[in-house]
Amino acid sequence: ILVPLVTPFKEDQSVDYEAAVSIAEKLIEDNMADSIILTGTTGEFFTMSFEERVKLFKVIKDAVGDKIPLMAGVGCASTIETIALAKKAEEIGFEIMMVVSPYYTKPTQKELYNHFKKVAESVNIQMMLYNIPIFTGVNINPETVAKLSEIENIVAVKEEAELNPKQMTEFINVTPDDFIVYCGDDPMILEAFAQGGTERIGGIVSGGSHLIGVQLRNMINMFLNGKVEEAAKIQQKYLPLFRIMGQNGRTNPVSLIKEAMKMVGYDAGIPRLPLTPGTEEEIAEVRRVMKKIKII
């Protein structure tokens, strides 16, 4: 269970570093996470400055770096800034980084390959590719992942191509046996393990695991131990939770994930504009679902 840590913001829109540490510590204490990823999509990296991201890396590394493996999300819109942030993560002591595709520019597959290759070669730490076409506007095709997997320190990919569930299998088929695929789509967890088993599926990167990391781990273990029906029922049970985070056309679920986290004791702060906190009606609907599935 890799938890993409939310970044809590204060009412004045500044980063609440103290609350971020508190969230990380509670995730560890409650056994929700096997690893924590900083400044990913759920961490609202796209609203943060370079300096804020570096400071968050330092603060969280100092606070919990000896308690749990950490991964630095270093993806930026340009190659030069991604390399600069990757070097900062390496300096701070991170051993692995997650790099999302450059967004808005819609690079070609050749440009994507060159981007990831240059970033990987700029540091001496491991790298996980991050494919999320719904937000970047571009898919990392299996052929490109295959070529990138030949680069020594590119060791994994986080796959969140919701409209193409078969692509995970394609990634597995075209990469070496030691190249790991992580599922980034909460409703597709069991499908991922059905496609790759434990040898090729390293786990899940799940925003929902802030709330139900233990339950998701138990579900995965049930499935892998042959209790397929029981595991499927658990996934069906939690599907409304994943769905409710996108109500009212919210493509990015982080605002309502934060509202749900507050209901279970996290100081999750608010999202950063242009994202806005949940409305009274949205929060009530999240609470209703969480009560129904007995999270609160």
Protein backbone atom coordinates (compact mmCIF):
# COMPACT_ATOMS: atom_id res chain seq x y z
CA ILE A 1 0.00 0.00 0.00
CA LEU A 2 1.67 3.19 -1.23
CA VAL A 3 -0.18 6.24 0.07
CA PRO A 4 0.07 9.41 -2.05
CA LEU A 5 0.08 11.85 0.86
CA VAL A 6 -2.35 14.74 0.73
CA THR A 7 -0.74 18.14 1.17
CA PRO A 8 -2.75 20.10 3.76
CA PHE A 9 -3.21 23.80 3.09
CA LYS A 10 -4.25 26.49 5.56
CA GLU A 11 -7.08 28.98 5.07
CA ASP A 12 -4.51 31.49 3.75
CA GLN A 13 -3.50 28.88 1.12
CA SER A 14 -0.04 28.28 2.60
CA VAL A 15 1.28 24.74 3.11
CA ASP A 16 0.65 23.37 6.61
CA TYR A 17 3.88 21.42 7.07
CA GLU A 18 3.09 20.57 10.68
CA ALA A 19 -0.22 19.01 9.68
CA ALA A 20 1.52 17.08 6.88
CA VAL A 21 3.83 15.50 9.45
CA SER A 22 0.84 14.70 11.65
CA ILE A 23 -0.92 12.95 8.75
CA ALA A 24 2.17 10.91 7.87
CA GLU A 25 2.63 9.87 11.50
CA LYS A 26 -1.02 8.84 11.83
CA LEU A 27 -0.85 6.79 8.62
CA ILE A 28 2.12 4.91 10.06
CA GLU A 29 0.54 4.55 13.50
CA ASP A 30 -2.71 3.20 12.03
CA ASN A 31 -0.80 0.80 9.71
CA MET A 32 -2.47 2.31 6.65
CA ALA A 33 0.72 2.64 4.59
CA ASP A 34 3.68 0.49 3.60
CA SER A 35 5.21 3.49 1.84
CA ILE A 36 4.37 7.18 1.41
CA ILE A 37 4.64 9.22 -1.80
CA LEU A 38 5.06 12.99 -1.56
CA THR A 39 3.70 15.58 -4.00
CA GLY A 40 1.79 13.29 -6.30
CA THR A 41 -1.60 14.05 -7.79
CA THR A 42 -3.36 13.59 -4.44
CA GLY A 43 -0.65 15.82 -2.96
CA GLU A 44 -1.70 18.65 -5.33
CA PHE A 45 1.85 19.06 -6.64
CA PHE A 46 0.49 21.00 -9.61
CA THR A 47 -0.42 23.91 -7.31
CA MET A 48 2.88 23.93 -5.40
CA SER A 49 6.05 25.90 -6.02
CA PHE A 50 9.43 24.22 -6.45
CA GLU A 51 10.51 25.54 -3.05
CA GLU A 52 7.38 24.25 -1.30
CA ARG A 53 7.91 20.78 -2.68
CA VAL A 54 11.56 20.72 -1.60
CA LYS A 55 10.62 21.90 1.89
CA LEU A 56 7.94 19.21 2.18
CA PHE A 57 10.49 16.57 1.11
CA LYS A 58 12.84 17.73 3.89
CA VAL A 59 10.18 18.05 6.58
CA ILE A 60 8.62 14.62 5.98
CA LYS A 61 12.01 12.91 5.49
CA ASP A 62 13.24 14.31 8.81
CA ALA A 63 10.03 13.37 10.63
CA VAL A 64 9.33 9.82 9.41
CA GLY A 65 12.12 8.84 7.04
CA ASP A 66 13.45 6.28 9.53
CA LYS A 67 9.99 4.73 10.04
CA ILE A 68 8.71 4.07 6.52
CA PRO A 69 10.01 4.09 2.91
CA LEU A 70 9.39 7.41 1.19
CA MET A 71 9.13 8.32 -2.50
CA ALA A 72 9.47 11.83 -3.91
CA GLY A 73 7.08 12.94 -6.63
CA VAL A 74 9.31 15.15 -8.77
CA GLY A 75 7.33 15.49 -12.00
CA CYS A 76 7.09 19.00 -13.47
CA ALA A 77 5.91 20.42 -16.79
CA SER A 78 9.45 20.84 -18.12
CA THR A 79 12.38 18.44 -18.24
CA ILE A 80 14.80 20.98 -16.79
CA GLU A 81 12.68 21.60 -13.68
CA THR A 82 11.98 17.88 -13.22
CA ILE A 83 15.73 17.22 -13.24
CA ALA A 84 16.33 20.02 -10.75
CA LEU A 85 13.69 18.63 -8.36
CA ALA A 86 15.02 15.08 -8.81
CA LYS A 87 18.48 16.27 -7.79
CA LYS A 88 17.03 17.97 -4.70
CA ALA A 89 15.23 14.74 -3.73
CA GLU A 90 18.49 12.83 -4.10
CA GLU A 91 20.34 15.41 -1.98
CA ILE A 92 17.73 15.11 0.76
CA GLY A 93 18.21 11.34 0.85
CA PHE A 94 15.36 9.86 -1.18
CA GLU A 95 16.21 6.55 -2.83
CA ILE A 96 13.33 6.52 -5.32
CA MET A 97 11.32 9.13 -7.19
CA MET A 98 8.03 9.12 -9.07
CA VAL A 99 7.95 11.04 -12.35
CA VAL A 100 4.66 11.90 -14.02
CA SER A 101 4.49 12.62 -17.74
CA PRO A 102 4.93 16.29 -18.63
CA TYR A 103 1.47 17.82 -18.65
CA TYR A 104 -0.23 20.34 -20.94
CA THR A 105 2.45 20.03 -23.66
CA LYS A 106 1.18 16.63 -24.93
CA PRO A 107 4.61 15.33 -25.99
CA THR A 108 5.06 12.63 -28.61
CA GLN A 109 6.20 9.15 -27.56
CA LYS A 110 9.75 9.99 -28.66
CA GLU A 111 9.66 13.20 -26.61
CA LEU A 112 8.31 11.27 -23.61
CA TYR A 113 11.13 8.75 -23.93
CA ASN A 114 13.76 11.49 -24.09
CA HIS A 115 12.23 13.29 -21.11
CA PHE A 116 12.18 10.26 -18.82
CA LYS A 117 15.64 9.14 -20.00
CA LYS A 118 17.21 12.52 -19.25
CA VAL A 119 15.60 12.64 -15.79
CA ALA A 120 16.70 9.09 -14.97
CA GLU A 121 20.27 9.77 -16.08
CA SER A 122 20.50 12.97 -14.03
CA VAL A 123 20.50 11.16 -10.66
CA ASN A 124 21.64 7.94 -9.03
CA ILE A 125 18.30 6.95 -7.49
CA GLN A 126 15.54 4.68 -8.74
CA MET A 127 12.60 5.97 -10.73
CA MET A 128 8.95 5.01 -11.11
CA LEU A 129 7.14 6.25 -14.21
CA TYR A 130 3.67 7.67 -13.59
CA ASN A 131 1.05 7.30 -16.31
CA ILE A 132 -2.17 9.25 -15.75
CA PRO A 133 -3.48 10.36 -19.16
CA ILE A 134 -6.70 11.85 -17.77
CA PHE A 135 -4.63 14.68 -16.27
CA THR A 136 -1.52 14.82 -18.45
CA GLY A 137 -3.32 14.53 -21.77
CA VAL A 138 -0.89 11.89 -23.03
CA ASN A 139 -0.57 8.13 -22.57
CA ILE A 140 2.81 6.44 -22.13
CA ASN A 141 2.40 3.65 -24.65
CA PRO A 142 3.57 0.11 -23.83
CA GLU A 143 6.30 0.32 -26.48
CA THR A 144 7.69 3.42 -24.77
CA VAL A 145 7.56 1.80 -21.34
CA ALA A 146 9.40 -1.21 -22.82
CA LYS A 147 12.24 1.00 -24.07
CA LEU A 148 12.38 2.93 -20.79
CA SER A 149 12.55 -0.30 -18.77
CA GLU A 150 15.95 -0.94 -20.39
CA ILE A 151 17.35 2.05 -18.46
CA GLU A 152 18.91 0.66 -15.30
CA ASN A 153 17.31 2.90 -12.68
CA ILE A 154 13.80 2.98 -14.21
CA VAL A 155 12.31 0.12 -12.23
CA ALA A 156 8.53 0.56 -12.12
CA VAL A 157 5.44 2.26 -13.52
CA LYS A 158 2.32 3.51 -11.79
CA GLU A 159 -0.55 2.91 -14.18
CA GLU A 160 -3.76 4.92 -14.03
CA ALA A 161 -5.11 4.72 -17.57
CA GLU A 162 -8.71 4.24 -16.49
CA LEU A 163 -10.10 3.93 -19.99
CA ASN A 164 -7.70 1.12 -20.92
CA PRO A 165 -7.64 -1.54 -18.18
CA LYS A 166 -5.83 -3.99 -20.48
CA GLN A 167 -2.78 -1.73 -20.69
CA MET A 168 -1.46 -3.07 -17.38
CA THR A 169 -1.13 -6.50 -18.96
CA GLU A 170 0.55 -4.93 -21.99
CA PHE A 171 3.10 -3.23 -19.70
CA ILE A 172 3.79 -6.58 -18.04
CA ASN A 173 4.19 -8.37 -21.37
CA VAL A 174 6.75 -5.95 -22.81
CA THR A 175 8.98 -5.37 -19.77
CA PRO A 176 11.52 -7.54 -17.90
CA ASP A 177 10.41 -9.76 -15.02
CA ASP A 178 11.97 -7.43 -12.45
CA PHE A 179 10.08 -4.37 -13.74
CA ILE A 180 7.19 -3.68 -11.35
CA VAL A 181 3.73 -2.32 -12.16
CA TYR A 182 1.68 -0.46 -9.54
CA CYS A 183 -2.07 0.03 -9.80
CA GLY A 184 -3.09 3.66 -9.41
CA ASP A 185 -6.83 3.22 -9.86
CA ASP A 186 -8.73 2.29 -6.68
CA PRO A 187 -11.68 0.49 -8.36
CA MET A 188 -9.25 -1.67 -10.39
CA ILE A 189 -7.17 -3.17 -7.56
CA LEU A 190 -8.24 -6.80 -7.86
CA GLU A 191 -8.19 -6.63 -11.64
CA ALA A 192 -4.56 -5.52 -11.42
CA PHE A 193 -3.53 -8.46 -9.26
CA ALA A 194 -5.48 -10.81 -11.53
CA GLN A 195 -3.42 -9.53 -14.46
CA GLY A 196 0.01 -9.64 -12.83
CA GLY A 197 -0.04 -11.50 -9.51
CA THR A 198 2.52 -10.61 -6.88
CA GLU A 199 5.54 -11.16 -9.11
CA ARG A 200 4.74 -8.24 -11.41
CA ILE A 201 2.21 -6.13 -9.45
CA GLY A 202 4.08 -4.38 -6.66
CA GLY A 203 0.98 -3.03 -4.97
CA ILE A 204 -1.35 -0.07 -5.18
CA VAL A 205 -0.96 3.69 -5.06
CA SER A 206 -4.26 4.63 -3.52
CA GLY A 207 -5.70 7.95 -2.39
CA GLY A 208 -8.44 5.98 -0.67
CA SER A 209 -5.85 4.24 1.48
CA HIS A 210 -5.71 7.35 3.68
CA LEU A 211 -9.07 6.02 4.90
CA ILE A 212 -9.02 2.25 4.36
CA GLY A 213 -5.42 1.20 3.87
CA VAL A 214 -5.74 -1.71 6.31
CA GLN A 215 -8.94 -2.94 4.67
CA LEU A 216 -7.42 -2.75 1.18
CA ARG A 217 -4.35 -4.68 2.32
CA ASN A 218 -6.60 -7.37 3.82
CA MET A 219 -8.62 -7.50 0.59
CA ILE A 220 -5.50 -8.00 -1.51
CA ASN A 221 -4.20 -10.72 0.82
CA MET A 222 -7.55 -12.53 0.65
CA PHE A 223 -7.48 -12.44 -3.13
CA LEU A 224 -3.91 -13.70 -3.31
CA ASN A 225 -4.74 -16.52 -0.89
CA GLY A 226 -7.52 -17.76 -3.13
CA LYS A 227 -10.46 -16.20 -1.32
CA VAL A 228 -11.61 -14.52 -4.50
CA GLU A 229 -15.32 -14.20 -3.64
CA GLU A 230 -14.61 -12.65 -0.23
CA ALA A 231 -12.13 -10.21 -1.75
CA ALA A 232 -14.56 -9.25 -4.51
CA LYS A 233 -17.25 -8.48 -1.94
CA ILE A 234 -14.86 -6.15 -0.10
CA GLN A 235 -14.01 -4.32 -3.33
CA GLN A 236 -17.73 -4.00 -4.11
CA LYS A 237 -18.33 -2.69 -0.58
CA TYR A 238 -15.83 0.14 -0.98
CA LEU A 239 -16.64 1.07 -4.57
CA PRO A 240 -19.25 3.68 -3.49
CA LEU A 241 -16.54 5.38 -1.41
CA PHE A 242 -14.27 5.74 -4.43
CA ARG A 243 -17.15 6.92 -6.61
CA ILE A 244 -18.53 9.50 -4.17
CA MET A 245 -15.23 11.42 -4.19
CA GLY A 246 -15.96 12.42 -7.78
CA GLN A 247 -19.51 13.68 -7.26
CA ASN A 248 -20.72 16.85 -9.00
CA GLY A 249 -18.18 16.48 -11.78
CA ARG A 250 -15.11 16.62 -9.55
CA THR A 251 -12.47 15.01 -11.76
CA ASN A 252 -9.89 15.38 -9.01
CA PRO A 253 -11.13 13.65 -5.82
CA VAL A 254 -8.66 15.27 -3.42
CA SER A 255 -11.10 17.89 -2.04
CA LEU A 256 -13.53 15.25 -0.81
CA ILE A 257 -10.76 12.86 0.27
CA LYS A 258 -9.66 15.64 2.62
CA GLU A 259 -13.22 16.08 3.91
CA ALA A 260 -13.46 12.33 4.54
CA MET A 261 -10.09 12.31 6.30
CA LYS A 262 -11.33 14.95 8.73
CA MET A 263 -14.18 12.59 9.66
CA VAL A 264 -11.68 9.97 10.84
CA GLY A 265 -9.38 12.28 12.77
CA TYR A 266 -6.88 13.69 10.27
CA ASP A 267 -5.95 17.37 10.16
CA ALA A 268 -6.17 17.31 6.37
CA GLY A 269 -6.55 21.03 5.76
CA ILE A 270 -8.22 22.37 2.64
CA PRO A 271 -7.37 22.06 -1.06
CA ARG A 272 -5.50 24.85 -2.79
CA LEU A 273 -7.37 27.03 -5.25
CA PRO A 274 -8.68 26.59 -7.86
CA LEU A 275 -9.85 23.40 -6.11
CA THR A 276 -12.37 24.18 -3.38
CA PRO A 277 -13.50 22.43 -0.19
CA GLY A 278 -16.58 20.24 -0.27
CA THR A 279 -19.98 21.89 -0.06
CA GLU A 280 -22.33 21.05 2.81
CA GLU A 281 -24.28 18.77 0.49
CA GLU A 282 -21.16 16.99 -0.77
CA ILE A 283 -19.81 16.50 2.74
CA ALA A 284 -23.16 15.12 3.89
CA GLU A 285 -23.12 12.63 1.01
CA VAL A 286 -19.57 11.53 1.84
CA ARG A 287 -20.58 11.10 5.49
CA ARG A 288 -23.62 9.06 4.48
CA VAL A 289 -21.53 6.66 2.41
CA MET A 290 -18.84 6.35 5.08
CA LYS A 291 -21.46 5.51 7.70
CA LYS A 292 -23.12 2.99 5.41
CA ILE A 293 -19.85 1.11 4.88
CA LYS A 294 -18.94 1.53 8.55
CA ILE A 295 -15.79 3.64 8.25
CA ILE A 296 -17.31 6.05 10.76
